[in-house]
N, C-alpha and C. Protein backbone atom coordinates (compact mmCIF):
# COMPACT_ATOMS: atom_id res chain seq x y z
N UNK A 1 -78.98 -18.54 137.59
CA UNK A 1 -77.57 -18.56 137.62
C UNK A 1 -76.94 -17.82 136.46
N UNK A 2 -77.58 -17.82 135.40
CA UNK A 2 -77.07 -17.12 134.24
C UNK A 2 -77.02 -15.63 134.52
N UNK A 3 -77.93 -15.18 135.30
CA UNK A 3 -77.96 -13.77 135.63
C UNK A 3 -76.74 -13.37 136.45
N UNK A 4 -76.26 -14.18 137.33
CA UNK A 4 -75.10 -13.89 138.17
C UNK A 4 -73.84 -13.80 137.32
N UNK A 5 -73.69 -14.67 136.39
CA UNK A 5 -72.51 -14.64 135.54
C UNK A 5 -72.48 -13.38 134.71
N UNK A 6 -73.56 -12.93 134.25
CA UNK A 6 -73.62 -11.71 133.45
C UNK A 6 -73.27 -10.51 134.29
N UNK A 7 -73.70 -10.51 135.52
CA UNK A 7 -73.43 -9.39 136.40
C UNK A 7 -71.92 -9.30 136.71
N UNK A 8 -71.29 -10.43 136.91
CA UNK A 8 -69.86 -10.43 137.22
C UNK A 8 -69.06 -9.90 136.04
N UNK A 9 -69.39 -10.31 134.85
CA UNK A 9 -68.64 -9.84 133.69
C UNK A 9 -68.94 -8.39 133.38
N UNK A 10 -70.10 -7.90 133.71
CA UNK A 10 -70.42 -6.50 133.47
C UNK A 10 -69.58 -5.58 134.35
N UNK A 11 -69.26 -6.02 135.51
CA UNK A 11 -68.50 -5.18 136.44
C UNK A 11 -67.03 -5.05 136.04
N UNK A 12 -66.50 -5.94 135.23
CA UNK A 12 -65.09 -5.90 134.85
C UNK A 12 -64.80 -4.80 133.83
N UNK A 13 -65.71 -4.40 133.07
CA UNK A 13 -65.58 -3.34 132.06
C UNK A 13 -64.43 -3.62 131.10
N UNK A 14 -64.35 -4.79 130.57
CA UNK A 14 -63.33 -5.15 129.59
C UNK A 14 -63.77 -4.71 128.21
N UNK A 15 -62.95 -3.94 127.52
CA UNK A 15 -63.30 -3.60 126.15
C UNK A 15 -63.12 -4.83 125.28
N UNK A 16 -64.02 -5.05 124.42
CA UNK A 16 -64.03 -6.25 123.60
C UNK A 16 -63.00 -6.15 122.48
N UNK A 17 -62.75 -5.00 121.92
CA UNK A 17 -61.88 -4.88 120.75
C UNK A 17 -60.42 -4.59 121.11
N UNK A 18 -59.99 -4.42 122.36
CA UNK A 18 -58.60 -4.13 122.74
C UNK A 18 -57.76 -5.40 122.71
N UNK A 19 -56.54 -5.34 122.04
CA UNK A 19 -55.66 -6.51 122.02
C UNK A 19 -54.99 -6.70 123.38
N UNK A 20 -54.68 -7.90 123.74
CA UNK A 20 -54.02 -8.12 125.04
C UNK A 20 -52.58 -7.58 125.01
N UNK A 21 -52.14 -7.03 126.12
CA UNK A 21 -50.78 -6.49 126.21
C UNK A 21 -49.78 -7.64 126.31
N UNK A 22 -48.68 -7.51 125.51
CA UNK A 22 -47.69 -8.59 125.48
C UNK A 22 -46.37 -8.10 126.08
N UNK A 23 -45.84 -8.81 127.09
CA UNK A 23 -44.56 -8.39 127.67
C UNK A 23 -43.39 -8.61 126.70
N UNK A 24 -43.53 -9.46 125.71
CA UNK A 24 -42.44 -9.69 124.76
C UNK A 24 -42.17 -8.45 123.92
N UNK A 25 -43.18 -7.62 123.70
CA UNK A 25 -42.99 -6.38 122.95
C UNK A 25 -41.99 -5.47 123.68
N UNK A 26 -42.09 -5.36 124.98
CA UNK A 26 -41.17 -4.54 125.76
C UNK A 26 -39.77 -5.16 125.75
N UNK A 27 -39.68 -6.47 125.83
CA UNK A 27 -38.39 -7.15 125.84
C UNK A 27 -37.62 -6.88 124.54
N UNK A 28 -38.27 -7.13 123.42
CA UNK A 28 -37.60 -6.93 122.13
C UNK A 28 -37.32 -5.45 121.85
N UNK A 29 -38.15 -4.59 122.30
CA UNK A 29 -37.90 -3.15 122.16
C UNK A 29 -36.66 -2.74 122.93
N UNK A 30 -36.51 -3.27 124.14
CA UNK A 30 -35.32 -2.97 124.95
C UNK A 30 -34.06 -3.51 124.28
N UNK A 31 -34.15 -4.71 123.72
CA UNK A 31 -33.00 -5.31 123.03
C UNK A 31 -32.58 -4.43 121.86
N UNK A 32 -33.51 -3.97 121.06
CA UNK A 32 -33.20 -3.14 119.89
C UNK A 32 -32.57 -1.82 120.33
N UNK A 33 -33.12 -1.18 121.35
CA UNK A 33 -32.58 0.10 121.83
C UNK A 33 -31.15 -0.09 122.36
N UNK A 34 -30.93 -1.13 123.15
CA UNK A 34 -29.59 -1.37 123.69
C UNK A 34 -28.58 -1.69 122.59
N UNK A 35 -29.00 -2.41 121.57
CA UNK A 35 -28.11 -2.73 120.45
C UNK A 35 -27.70 -1.46 119.71
N UNK A 36 -28.64 -0.59 119.44
CA UNK A 36 -28.34 0.67 118.74
C UNK A 36 -27.39 1.52 119.58
N UNK A 37 -27.65 1.62 120.88
CA UNK A 37 -26.79 2.42 121.76
C UNK A 37 -25.38 1.83 121.80
N UNK A 38 -25.25 0.50 121.92
CA UNK A 38 -23.94 -0.15 121.98
C UNK A 38 -23.15 0.08 120.70
N UNK A 39 -23.77 -0.12 119.56
CA UNK A 39 -23.08 0.08 118.28
C UNK A 39 -22.64 1.52 118.10
N UNK A 40 -23.47 2.45 118.51
CA UNK A 40 -23.11 3.87 118.41
C UNK A 40 -21.91 4.19 119.29
N UNK A 41 -21.92 3.69 120.53
CA UNK A 41 -20.79 3.95 121.43
C UNK A 41 -19.50 3.30 120.93
N UNK A 42 -19.60 2.11 120.35
CA UNK A 42 -18.41 1.48 119.79
C UNK A 42 -17.85 2.28 118.61
N UNK A 43 -18.70 2.78 117.76
CA UNK A 43 -18.26 3.57 116.62
C UNK A 43 -17.56 4.84 117.10
N UNK A 44 -18.16 5.54 118.07
CA UNK A 44 -17.56 6.75 118.61
C UNK A 44 -16.21 6.42 119.28
N UNK A 45 -16.15 5.31 120.02
CA UNK A 45 -14.92 4.91 120.69
C UNK A 45 -13.81 4.59 119.71
N UNK A 46 -14.13 3.90 118.62
CA UNK A 46 -13.12 3.57 117.62
C UNK A 46 -12.56 4.83 116.98
N UNK A 47 -13.41 5.79 116.70
CA UNK A 47 -12.95 7.05 116.12
C UNK A 47 -12.00 7.77 117.08
N UNK A 48 -12.34 7.77 118.36
CA UNK A 48 -11.51 8.47 119.35
C UNK A 48 -10.18 7.75 119.55
N UNK A 49 -10.18 6.42 119.58
CA UNK A 49 -8.94 5.66 119.74
C UNK A 49 -8.02 5.90 118.54
N UNK A 50 -8.56 5.90 117.35
CA UNK A 50 -7.74 6.14 116.16
C UNK A 50 -7.11 7.52 116.21
N UNK A 51 -7.89 8.52 116.60
CA UNK A 51 -7.36 9.87 116.70
C UNK A 51 -6.27 9.96 117.77
N UNK A 52 -6.48 9.30 118.90
CA UNK A 52 -5.49 9.31 119.98
C UNK A 52 -4.20 8.62 119.55
N UNK A 53 -4.32 7.48 118.88
CA UNK A 53 -3.13 6.77 118.41
C UNK A 53 -2.37 7.60 117.37
N UNK A 54 -3.10 8.26 116.48
CA UNK A 54 -2.44 9.11 115.49
C UNK A 54 -1.69 10.25 116.17
N UNK A 55 -2.32 10.86 117.18
CA UNK A 55 -1.67 11.95 117.91
C UNK A 55 -0.45 11.44 118.68
N UNK A 56 -0.58 10.26 119.30
CA UNK A 56 0.53 9.71 120.09
C UNK A 56 1.72 9.36 119.20
N UNK A 57 1.47 8.89 118.00
CA UNK A 57 2.57 8.52 117.11
C UNK A 57 3.32 9.75 116.61
N UNK A 58 2.71 10.91 116.70
CA UNK A 58 3.39 12.13 116.29
C UNK A 58 4.33 12.65 117.37
N UNK A 59 4.28 12.07 118.57
CA UNK A 59 5.18 12.50 119.63
C UNK A 59 6.61 12.13 119.27
N UNK A 60 7.59 12.96 119.62
CA UNK A 60 8.97 12.62 119.31
C UNK A 60 9.42 11.40 120.11
N UNK A 61 10.03 10.44 119.42
CA UNK A 61 10.57 9.26 120.08
C UNK A 61 9.57 8.15 120.31
N UNK A 62 8.32 8.31 119.89
CA UNK A 62 7.29 7.29 120.16
C UNK A 62 6.90 6.59 118.86
N UNK A 63 7.86 5.87 118.26
CA UNK A 63 7.54 5.15 117.03
C UNK A 63 8.12 3.74 117.09
N UNK A 64 7.61 2.88 116.25
CA UNK A 64 8.09 1.50 116.21
C UNK A 64 9.54 1.45 115.73
N UNK A 65 9.90 2.35 114.83
CA UNK A 65 11.28 2.37 114.33
C UNK A 65 12.26 2.71 115.44
N UNK A 66 11.89 3.68 116.28
CA UNK A 66 12.76 4.05 117.39
C UNK A 66 12.88 2.90 118.39
N UNK A 67 11.78 2.19 118.61
CA UNK A 67 11.82 1.07 119.54
C UNK A 67 12.69 -0.05 118.97
N UNK A 68 12.62 -0.26 117.66
CA UNK A 68 13.46 -1.28 117.03
C UNK A 68 14.94 -0.91 117.16
N UNK A 69 15.26 0.35 117.01
CA UNK A 69 16.64 0.81 117.17
C UNK A 69 17.11 0.56 118.60
N UNK A 70 16.24 0.83 119.57
CA UNK A 70 16.58 0.61 120.97
C UNK A 70 16.88 -0.87 121.22
N UNK A 71 16.04 -1.75 120.68
CA UNK A 71 16.24 -3.19 120.88
C UNK A 71 17.51 -3.68 120.19
N UNK A 72 17.77 -3.20 118.97
CA UNK A 72 18.98 -3.60 118.26
C UNK A 72 20.24 -3.14 118.99
N UNK A 73 20.21 -1.91 119.46
CA UNK A 73 21.37 -1.38 120.19
C UNK A 73 21.60 -2.16 121.48
N UNK A 74 20.53 -2.50 122.17
CA UNK A 74 20.65 -3.27 123.42
C UNK A 74 21.19 -4.67 123.13
N UNK A 75 20.75 -5.29 122.04
CA UNK A 75 21.24 -6.63 121.69
C UNK A 75 22.72 -6.59 121.35
N UNK A 76 23.15 -5.59 120.61
CA UNK A 76 24.56 -5.46 120.25
C UNK A 76 25.42 -5.25 121.48
N UNK A 77 24.99 -4.37 122.36
CA UNK A 77 25.77 -4.09 123.56
C UNK A 77 25.81 -5.31 124.50
N UNK A 78 24.71 -6.03 124.59
CA UNK A 78 24.68 -7.23 125.44
C UNK A 78 25.61 -8.29 124.87
N UNK A 79 25.59 -8.48 123.56
CA UNK A 79 26.48 -9.47 122.93
C UNK A 79 27.94 -9.08 123.13
N UNK A 80 28.26 -7.80 123.02
CA UNK A 80 29.64 -7.34 123.24
C UNK A 80 30.08 -7.58 124.68
N UNK A 81 29.17 -7.35 125.62
CA UNK A 81 29.50 -7.51 127.04
C UNK A 81 29.73 -8.98 127.40
N UNK A 82 29.02 -9.89 126.76
CA UNK A 82 29.11 -11.31 127.09
C UNK A 82 30.18 -12.02 126.25
N UNK A 83 30.63 -11.40 125.17
CA UNK A 83 31.58 -12.05 124.25
C UNK A 83 32.85 -12.49 124.95
N UNK A 84 33.35 -11.71 125.88
CA UNK A 84 34.58 -12.08 126.59
C UNK A 84 34.39 -13.34 127.43
N UNK A 85 33.20 -13.50 128.00
CA UNK A 85 32.92 -14.67 128.83
C UNK A 85 32.87 -15.96 128.00
N UNK A 86 32.45 -15.84 126.76
CA UNK A 86 32.28 -17.03 125.91
C UNK A 86 33.61 -17.76 125.74
N UNK A 87 34.64 -17.04 125.35
CA UNK A 87 35.94 -17.65 125.14
C UNK A 87 36.50 -18.29 126.40
N UNK A 88 36.37 -17.60 127.50
CA UNK A 88 36.89 -18.10 128.78
C UNK A 88 36.16 -19.39 129.18
N UNK A 89 34.84 -19.39 129.07
CA UNK A 89 34.08 -20.55 129.51
C UNK A 89 34.25 -21.74 128.57
N UNK A 90 34.33 -21.49 127.27
CA UNK A 90 34.56 -22.60 126.32
C UNK A 90 35.96 -23.18 126.53
N UNK A 91 36.94 -22.32 126.76
CA UNK A 91 38.29 -22.81 127.03
C UNK A 91 38.32 -23.68 128.29
N UNK A 92 37.58 -23.27 129.31
CA UNK A 92 37.52 -24.06 130.55
C UNK A 92 36.85 -25.41 130.30
N UNK A 93 35.85 -25.44 129.42
CA UNK A 93 35.17 -26.71 129.12
C UNK A 93 36.05 -27.64 128.31
N UNK A 94 36.91 -27.09 127.46
CA UNK A 94 37.76 -27.90 126.59
C UNK A 94 39.08 -28.26 127.26
N UNK A 95 39.45 -27.57 128.32
CA UNK A 95 40.74 -27.79 128.99
C UNK A 95 40.98 -29.27 129.36
N UNK A 96 39.97 -30.00 129.87
CA UNK A 96 40.24 -31.42 130.17
C UNK A 96 40.63 -32.23 128.94
N UNK A 97 40.13 -31.86 127.77
CA UNK A 97 40.52 -32.57 126.54
C UNK A 97 42.00 -32.33 126.27
N UNK A 98 42.47 -31.09 126.40
CA UNK A 98 43.89 -30.78 126.19
C UNK A 98 44.75 -31.50 127.23
N UNK A 99 44.24 -31.59 128.46
CA UNK A 99 45.01 -32.27 129.51
C UNK A 99 45.17 -33.77 129.22
N UNK A 100 44.23 -34.36 128.50
CA UNK A 100 44.28 -35.80 128.21
C UNK A 100 45.13 -36.13 126.97
N UNK A 101 45.48 -35.15 126.18
CA UNK A 101 46.23 -35.42 124.94
C UNK A 101 47.59 -36.08 125.22
N UNK A 102 48.40 -35.61 126.14
CA UNK A 102 49.69 -36.29 126.37
C UNK A 102 49.52 -37.77 126.77
N UNK A 103 48.52 -38.04 127.62
CA UNK A 103 48.29 -39.43 128.01
C UNK A 103 47.86 -40.27 126.81
N UNK A 104 47.00 -39.70 125.97
CA UNK A 104 46.54 -40.45 124.80
C UNK A 104 47.69 -40.70 123.82
N UNK A 105 48.52 -39.69 123.60
CA UNK A 105 49.65 -39.85 122.68
C UNK A 105 50.60 -40.92 123.22
N UNK A 106 50.86 -40.90 124.52
CA UNK A 106 51.72 -41.92 125.12
C UNK A 106 51.13 -43.32 124.93
N UNK A 107 49.82 -43.43 125.12
CA UNK A 107 49.15 -44.73 124.94
C UNK A 107 49.17 -45.15 123.46
N UNK A 108 48.87 -44.21 122.58
CA UNK A 108 48.74 -44.49 121.16
C UNK A 108 50.07 -45.00 120.57
N UNK A 109 51.18 -44.42 120.98
CA UNK A 109 52.47 -44.79 120.41
C UNK A 109 53.18 -45.90 121.20
N UNK A 110 52.56 -46.39 122.23
CA UNK A 110 53.16 -47.52 122.95
C UNK A 110 52.81 -48.81 122.21
N UNK A 111 53.59 -49.85 122.45
CA UNK A 111 53.35 -51.14 121.80
C UNK A 111 52.01 -51.71 122.26
N UNK A 112 51.75 -51.66 123.56
CA UNK A 112 50.48 -52.19 124.08
C UNK A 112 49.31 -51.39 123.51
N UNK A 113 49.49 -50.09 123.43
CA UNK A 113 48.43 -49.24 122.90
C UNK A 113 48.12 -49.53 121.44
N UNK A 114 49.18 -49.76 120.65
CA UNK A 114 48.96 -50.06 119.23
C UNK A 114 48.20 -51.37 119.05
N UNK A 115 48.58 -52.38 119.83
CA UNK A 115 47.87 -53.67 119.72
C UNK A 115 46.42 -53.55 120.22
N UNK A 116 46.24 -52.79 121.29
CA UNK A 116 44.88 -52.60 121.81
C UNK A 116 44.02 -51.83 120.81
N UNK A 117 44.59 -50.86 120.15
CA UNK A 117 43.83 -50.11 119.14
C UNK A 117 43.52 -50.98 117.93
N UNK A 118 44.46 -51.86 117.56
CA UNK A 118 44.18 -52.80 116.46
C UNK A 118 43.05 -53.75 116.82
N UNK A 119 43.05 -54.22 118.06
CA UNK A 119 41.99 -55.12 118.51
C UNK A 119 40.66 -54.37 118.55
N UNK A 120 40.69 -53.14 119.01
CA UNK A 120 39.46 -52.32 119.05
C UNK A 120 38.95 -52.07 117.65
N UNK A 121 39.86 -51.84 116.72
CA UNK A 121 39.47 -51.62 115.34
C UNK A 121 38.83 -52.86 114.75
N UNK A 122 39.35 -54.04 115.09
CA UNK A 122 38.79 -55.29 114.57
C UNK A 122 37.43 -55.61 115.18
N UNK A 123 37.25 -55.30 116.45
CA UNK A 123 36.02 -55.66 117.16
C UNK A 123 34.98 -54.55 117.09
N UNK A 124 35.40 -53.35 117.30
CA UNK A 124 34.44 -52.25 117.41
C UNK A 124 34.88 -51.05 116.61
N UNK A 125 34.69 -49.94 117.18
CA UNK A 125 35.02 -48.70 116.49
C UNK A 125 36.18 -48.01 117.20
N UNK A 126 37.23 -47.74 116.47
CA UNK A 126 38.38 -47.04 117.02
C UNK A 126 37.99 -45.61 117.40
N UNK A 127 37.11 -45.03 116.63
CA UNK A 127 36.67 -43.66 116.90
C UNK A 127 35.97 -43.57 118.25
N UNK A 128 35.12 -44.55 118.58
CA UNK A 128 34.44 -44.54 119.88
C UNK A 128 35.44 -44.64 121.03
N UNK A 129 36.46 -45.48 120.85
CA UNK A 129 37.48 -45.62 121.90
C UNK A 129 38.26 -44.33 122.07
N UNK A 130 38.61 -43.68 120.96
CA UNK A 130 39.34 -42.42 121.04
C UNK A 130 38.47 -41.34 121.69
N UNK A 131 37.21 -41.27 121.30
CA UNK A 131 36.29 -40.29 121.89
C UNK A 131 36.15 -40.52 123.39
N UNK A 132 36.10 -41.76 123.79
CA UNK A 132 35.96 -42.08 125.21
C UNK A 132 37.20 -41.63 125.99
N UNK A 133 38.38 -41.82 125.40
CA UNK A 133 39.62 -41.44 126.10
C UNK A 133 39.82 -39.92 126.13
N UNK A 134 39.54 -39.25 125.03
CA UNK A 134 39.84 -37.81 124.95
C UNK A 134 38.66 -36.91 125.33
N UNK A 135 37.49 -37.22 124.84
CA UNK A 135 36.37 -36.28 124.92
C UNK A 135 35.32 -36.64 125.96
N UNK A 136 35.67 -37.46 126.91
CA UNK A 136 34.71 -37.88 127.93
C UNK A 136 34.18 -36.66 128.70
N UNK A 137 32.88 -36.50 128.73
CA UNK A 137 32.23 -35.42 129.47
C UNK A 137 32.19 -34.09 128.74
N UNK A 138 32.79 -33.99 127.56
CA UNK A 138 32.82 -32.71 126.84
C UNK A 138 31.42 -32.22 126.45
N UNK A 139 30.54 -33.06 125.90
CA UNK A 139 29.21 -32.55 125.54
C UNK A 139 28.45 -31.97 126.74
N UNK A 140 28.55 -32.62 127.88
CA UNK A 140 27.85 -32.11 129.07
C UNK A 140 28.43 -30.77 129.51
N UNK A 141 29.78 -30.67 129.46
CA UNK A 141 30.41 -29.41 129.85
C UNK A 141 30.03 -28.29 128.89
N UNK A 142 29.99 -28.59 127.59
CA UNK A 142 29.61 -27.56 126.61
C UNK A 142 28.15 -27.17 126.76
N UNK A 143 27.27 -28.12 127.07
CA UNK A 143 25.86 -27.79 127.33
C UNK A 143 25.74 -26.86 128.52
N UNK A 144 26.51 -27.14 129.56
CA UNK A 144 26.49 -26.29 130.76
C UNK A 144 26.96 -24.88 130.43
N UNK A 145 28.05 -24.79 129.64
CA UNK A 145 28.57 -23.48 129.23
C UNK A 145 27.53 -22.74 128.41
N UNK A 146 26.86 -23.44 127.50
CA UNK A 146 25.84 -22.79 126.67
C UNK A 146 24.71 -22.23 127.53
N UNK A 147 24.28 -22.99 128.53
CA UNK A 147 23.21 -22.50 129.42
C UNK A 147 23.67 -21.28 130.23
N UNK A 148 24.90 -21.33 130.71
CA UNK A 148 25.42 -20.20 131.48
C UNK A 148 25.56 -18.94 130.61
N UNK A 149 26.06 -19.12 129.41
CA UNK A 149 26.21 -17.97 128.50
C UNK A 149 24.84 -17.42 128.11
N UNK A 150 23.91 -18.32 127.86
CA UNK A 150 22.55 -17.89 127.50
C UNK A 150 21.94 -17.08 128.64
N UNK A 151 22.09 -17.55 129.87
CA UNK A 151 21.55 -16.82 131.02
C UNK A 151 22.23 -15.46 131.17
N UNK A 152 23.56 -15.43 131.00
CA UNK A 152 24.28 -14.16 131.12
C UNK A 152 23.86 -13.19 130.02
N UNK A 153 23.67 -13.71 128.80
CA UNK A 153 23.24 -12.86 127.69
C UNK A 153 21.84 -12.32 127.94
N UNK A 154 20.94 -13.16 128.42
CA UNK A 154 19.57 -12.70 128.70
C UNK A 154 19.56 -11.63 129.79
N UNK A 155 20.36 -11.82 130.84
CA UNK A 155 20.42 -10.81 131.92
C UNK A 155 21.00 -9.50 131.41
N UNK A 156 22.06 -9.60 130.63
CA UNK A 156 22.69 -8.38 130.10
C UNK A 156 21.77 -7.67 129.11
N UNK A 157 21.07 -8.45 128.29
CA UNK A 157 20.13 -7.85 127.32
C UNK A 157 19.01 -7.12 128.06
N UNK A 158 18.48 -7.74 129.10
CA UNK A 158 17.42 -7.08 129.88
C UNK A 158 17.93 -5.78 130.49
N UNK A 159 19.15 -5.81 131.02
CA UNK A 159 19.73 -4.60 131.61
C UNK A 159 19.92 -3.51 130.55
N UNK A 160 20.42 -3.90 129.38
CA UNK A 160 20.65 -2.94 128.31
C UNK A 160 19.33 -2.36 127.79
N UNK A 161 18.30 -3.21 127.67
CA UNK A 161 16.99 -2.71 127.21
C UNK A 161 16.46 -1.69 128.20
N UNK A 162 16.57 -1.98 129.48
CA UNK A 162 16.10 -1.02 130.50
C UNK A 162 16.84 0.31 130.36
N UNK A 163 18.16 0.24 130.21
CA UNK A 163 18.94 1.48 130.06
C UNK A 163 18.54 2.24 128.80
N UNK A 164 18.40 1.53 127.69
CA UNK A 164 18.05 2.18 126.42
C UNK A 164 16.64 2.79 126.48
N UNK A 165 15.71 2.07 127.06
CA UNK A 165 14.34 2.59 127.17
C UNK A 165 14.31 3.81 128.08
N UNK A 166 15.04 3.75 129.18
CA UNK A 166 15.09 4.91 130.08
C UNK A 166 15.71 6.11 129.37
N UNK A 167 16.76 5.86 128.59
CA UNK A 167 17.39 6.97 127.85
C UNK A 167 16.45 7.52 126.79
N UNK A 168 15.75 6.63 126.09
CA UNK A 168 14.82 7.09 125.04
C UNK A 168 13.61 7.78 125.64
N UNK A 169 13.14 7.30 126.78
CA UNK A 169 11.94 7.91 127.37
C UNK A 169 12.24 9.28 127.95
N UNK A 170 13.51 9.58 128.23
CA UNK A 170 13.84 10.91 128.72
C UNK A 170 13.68 11.96 127.62
N UNK A 171 13.64 11.52 126.35
CA UNK A 171 13.47 12.44 125.23
C UNK A 171 12.00 12.73 124.93
N UNK A 172 11.08 11.96 125.52
CA UNK A 172 9.66 12.14 125.25
C UNK A 172 9.11 13.18 126.22
N UNK A 173 8.31 14.07 125.70
CA UNK A 173 7.63 15.06 126.53
C UNK A 173 6.40 14.38 127.13
N UNK A 174 6.53 13.90 128.38
CA UNK A 174 5.46 13.11 128.99
C UNK A 174 4.24 13.97 129.31
N UNK A 175 4.43 15.25 129.52
CA UNK A 175 3.27 16.12 129.71
C UNK A 175 2.40 16.17 128.47
N UNK A 176 3.04 16.34 127.31
CA UNK A 176 2.31 16.36 126.05
C UNK A 176 1.69 14.98 125.78
N UNK A 177 2.42 13.92 126.10
CA UNK A 177 1.89 12.56 125.91
C UNK A 177 0.65 12.34 126.77
N UNK A 178 0.72 12.79 128.01
CA UNK A 178 -0.44 12.62 128.90
C UNK A 178 -1.63 13.43 128.39
N UNK A 179 -1.36 14.65 127.87
CA UNK A 179 -2.45 15.46 127.32
C UNK A 179 -3.09 14.77 126.13
N UNK A 180 -2.27 14.20 125.26
CA UNK A 180 -2.79 13.52 124.07
C UNK A 180 -3.62 12.31 124.46
N UNK A 181 -3.11 11.54 125.40
CA UNK A 181 -3.79 10.29 125.77
C UNK A 181 -5.05 10.51 126.60
N UNK A 182 -5.12 11.62 127.33
CA UNK A 182 -6.30 11.85 128.17
C UNK A 182 -7.28 12.83 127.53
N UNK A 183 -7.01 13.22 126.31
CA UNK A 183 -7.89 14.15 125.61
C UNK A 183 -9.26 13.52 125.37
N UNK A 184 -10.29 14.27 125.57
CA UNK A 184 -11.65 13.74 125.38
C UNK A 184 -12.09 13.85 123.95
């Protein structure tokens, strides 16, 4: 039987001094190569992006300062356009207070009103009673006016920004901008 085992191993022709092949060597080699390639491509890409941004900033009208001017001008024009609405809407919210003044004055200077106000002063707060008679619903009306004015200002600002950006973008040479941005 020993002879059979020797014959089987002789037919395999295995070199005794050769190290076994390891698949991990190929794995780690691939990882190293891919890492070097990735880092190289990122470095080249960063250089190209910096050059493109520098070129784009040299275009007329394409700067942060110009954009800030556009936004400031749009904000000023939007505020001017909405300013007229503010007075009208606040006056409408306060109008019920003015309408109640004659009734309050009549109550305040009447004999019954004076005694009732004295009793209110002794028991509670005269200021609360006066606020209830004159200013009822005013905070809610003013909140509503503030929301309406805010919405109108936001809409007008958006419209003004669009107009300003369209006007500013007409000064940019888009052909040159496209050449700069698509340059290899």
